[in-house]
C-alpha atoms as a PDB file:
ATOM      1  CA  UNK A   1     -40.689  -1.668  46.283  1.00  0.00           C
ATOM      2  CA  UNK A   2     -39.224  -0.085  43.151  1.00  0.00           C
ATOM      3  CA  UNK A   3     -35.740  -0.531  44.610  1.00  0.00           C
ATOM      4  CA  UNK A   4     -36.270  -4.283  44.971  1.00  0.00           C
ATOM      5  CA  UNK A   5     -37.498  -4.563  41.387  1.00  0.00           C
ATOM      6  CA  UNK A   6     -34.483  -2.626  40.127  1.00  0.00           C
ATOM      7  CA  UNK A   7     -32.131  -4.761  42.204  1.00  0.00           C
ATOM      8  CA  UNK A   8     -33.643  -8.027  40.969  1.00  0.00           C
ATOM      9  CA  UNK A   9     -33.630  -6.794  37.385  1.00  0.00           C
ATOM     10  CA  UNK A  10     -29.939  -5.929  37.586  1.00  0.00           C
ATOM     11  CA  UNK A  11     -29.154  -9.346  39.100  1.00  0.00           C
ATOM     12  CA  UNK A  12     -31.077 -11.035  36.318  1.00  0.00           C
ATOM     13  CA  UNK A  13     -29.160  -9.059  33.700  1.00  0.00           C
ATOM     14  CA  UNK A  14     -25.782  -9.868  35.225  1.00  0.00           C
ATOM     15  CA  UNK A  15     -26.547 -13.571  35.614  1.00  0.00           C
ATOM     16  CA  UNK A  16     -27.997 -13.904  32.129  1.00  0.00           C
ATOM     17  CA  UNK A  17     -24.833 -12.340  30.706  1.00  0.00           C
ATOM     18  CA  UNK A  18     -22.335 -14.541  32.562  1.00  0.00           C
ATOM     19  CA  UNK A  19     -24.229 -17.857  32.449  1.00  0.00           C
ATOM     20  CA  UNK A  20     -23.286 -18.728  28.840  1.00  0.00           C
ATOM     21  CA  UNK A  21     -19.655 -17.865  29.549  1.00  0.00           C
ATOM     22  CA  UNK A  22     -19.591 -20.097  32.631  1.00  0.00           C
ATOM     23  CA  UNK A  23     -21.292 -22.872  30.678  1.00  0.00           C
ATOM     24  CA  UNK A  24     -18.742 -22.808  27.859  1.00  0.00           C
ATOM     25  CA  UNK A  25     -15.840 -22.652  30.314  1.00  0.00           C
ATOM     26  CA  UNK A  26     -17.138 -25.690  32.215  1.00  0.00           C
ATOM     27  CA  UNK A  27     -17.707 -27.706  29.042  1.00  0.00           C
ATOM     28  CA  UNK A  28     -14.262 -26.886  27.610  1.00  0.00           C
ATOM     29  CA  UNK A  29     -12.480 -27.570  30.907  1.00  0.00           C
ATOM     30  CA  UNK A  30     -14.386 -30.836  31.223  1.00  0.00           C
ATOM     31  CA  UNK A  31     -13.131 -31.890  27.803  1.00  0.00           C
ATOM     32  CA  UNK A  32      -9.558 -30.934  28.637  1.00  0.00           C
ATOM     33  CA  UNK A  33      -9.635 -32.753  31.975  1.00  0.00           C
ATOM     34  CA  UNK A  34     -11.156 -35.819  30.313  1.00  0.00           C
ATOM     35  CA  UNK A  35      -8.356 -35.814  27.750  1.00  0.00           C
ATOM     36  CA  UNK A  36      -5.723 -35.470  30.460  1.00  0.00           C
ATOM     37  CA  UNK A  37      -7.387 -38.329  32.358  1.00  0.00           C
ATOM     38  CA  UNK A  38      -6.593 -40.677  29.495  1.00  0.00           C
ATOM     39  CA  UNK A  39      -2.875 -40.190  30.168  1.00  0.00           C
ATOM     40  CA  UNK A  40      -3.134 -41.093  33.865  1.00  0.00           C
ATOM     41  CA  UNK A  41      -2.641 -44.527  35.426  1.00  0.00           C
ATOM     42  CA  UNK A  42      -5.758 -46.602  35.996  1.00  0.00           C
ATOM     43  CA  UNK A  43      -5.967 -45.767  39.710  1.00  0.00           C
ATOM     44  CA  UNK A  44      -6.216 -42.032  39.087  1.00  0.00           C
ATOM     45  CA  UNK A  45      -8.066 -42.100  35.784  1.00  0.00           C
ATOM     46  CA  UNK A  46     -11.456 -42.677  37.416  1.00  0.00           C
ATOM     47  CA  UNK A  47     -11.085 -39.636  39.661  1.00  0.00           C
ATOM     48  CA  UNK A  48     -10.129 -37.412  36.739  1.00  0.00           C
ATOM     49  CA  UNK A  49     -12.923 -38.750  34.553  1.00  0.00           C
ATOM     50  CA  UNK A  50     -15.466 -38.207  37.328  1.00  0.00           C
ATOM     51  CA  UNK A  51     -14.356 -34.597  37.715  1.00  0.00           C
ATOM     52  CA  UNK A  52     -14.457 -34.083  33.940  1.00  0.00           C
ATOM     53  CA  UNK A  53     -17.966 -35.487  33.584  1.00  0.00           C
ATOM     54  CA  UNK A  54     -19.140 -33.394  36.544  1.00  0.00           C
ATOM     55  CA  UNK A  55     -17.844 -30.262  34.798  1.00  0.00           C
ATOM     56  CA  UNK A  56     -19.449 -31.276  31.511  1.00  0.00           C
ATOM     57  CA  UNK A  57     -22.831 -31.995  33.101  1.00  0.00           C
ATOM     58  CA  UNK A  58     -22.584 -28.807  35.170  1.00  0.00           C
ATOM     59  CA  UNK A  59     -21.999 -26.787  32.009  1.00  0.00           C
ATOM     60  CA  UNK A  60     -25.017 -28.371  30.339  1.00  0.00           C
ATOM     61  CA  UNK A  61     -27.218 -27.694  33.379  1.00  0.00           C
ATOM     62  CA  UNK A  62     -26.093 -24.047  33.541  1.00  0.00           C
ATOM     63  CA  UNK A  63     -26.864 -23.669  29.829  1.00  0.00           C
ATOM     64  CA  UNK A  64     -30.317 -25.215  30.273  1.00  0.00           C
ATOM     65  CA  UNK A  65     -31.173 -22.974  33.222  1.00  0.00           C
ATOM     66  CA  UNK A  66     -29.860 -19.894  31.410  1.00  0.00           C
ATOM     67  CA  UNK A  67     -31.923 -20.785  28.357  1.00  0.00           C
ATOM     68  CA  UNK A  68     -35.069 -21.242  30.417  1.00  0.00           C
ATOM     69  CA  UNK A  69     -34.481 -18.247  32.706  1.00  0.00           C
ATOM     70  CA  UNK A  70     -36.846 -15.923  30.851  1.00  0.00           C
ATOM     71  CA  UNK A  71     -39.598 -18.545  30.821  1.00  0.00           C
ATOM     72  CA  UNK A  72     -39.099 -19.217  34.533  1.00  0.00           C
ATOM     73  CA  UNK A  73     -39.198 -15.490  35.288  1.00  0.00           C
ATOM     74  CA  UNK A  74     -42.366 -14.908  33.275  1.00  0.00           C
ATOM     75  CA  UNK A  75     -44.139 -17.886  34.841  1.00  0.00           C
ATOM     76  CA  UNK A  76     -43.138 -16.766  38.333  1.00  0.00           C
ATOM     77  CA  UNK A  77     -44.396 -13.247  37.683  1.00  0.00           C
ATOM     78  CA  UNK A  78     -47.770 -14.584  36.526  1.00  0.00           C
ATOM     79  CA  UNK A  79     -48.100 -16.809  39.590  1.00  0.00           C
ATOM     80  CA  UNK A  80     -47.170 -14.040  42.032  1.00  0.00           C
ATOM     81  CA  UNK A  81     -49.475 -11.403  40.564  1.00  0.00           C
END
């Protein structure tokens, strides 16, 4: 059982360290793609803007989950024990 706890703890540490990086990358790439979309013809602009907004929203969701990860973990531990 101690091995599982150690494994989950290491996963939590790794994910909590890379989540803000992924979030910032998605938000910045979303902004760049949205800017590039403004230079495209009308037929392609919608596709580019959709991809850009998906990246932006994905970055915000990753940031929200990363911010609430400790609260989620603590609540889950209380429920399971």
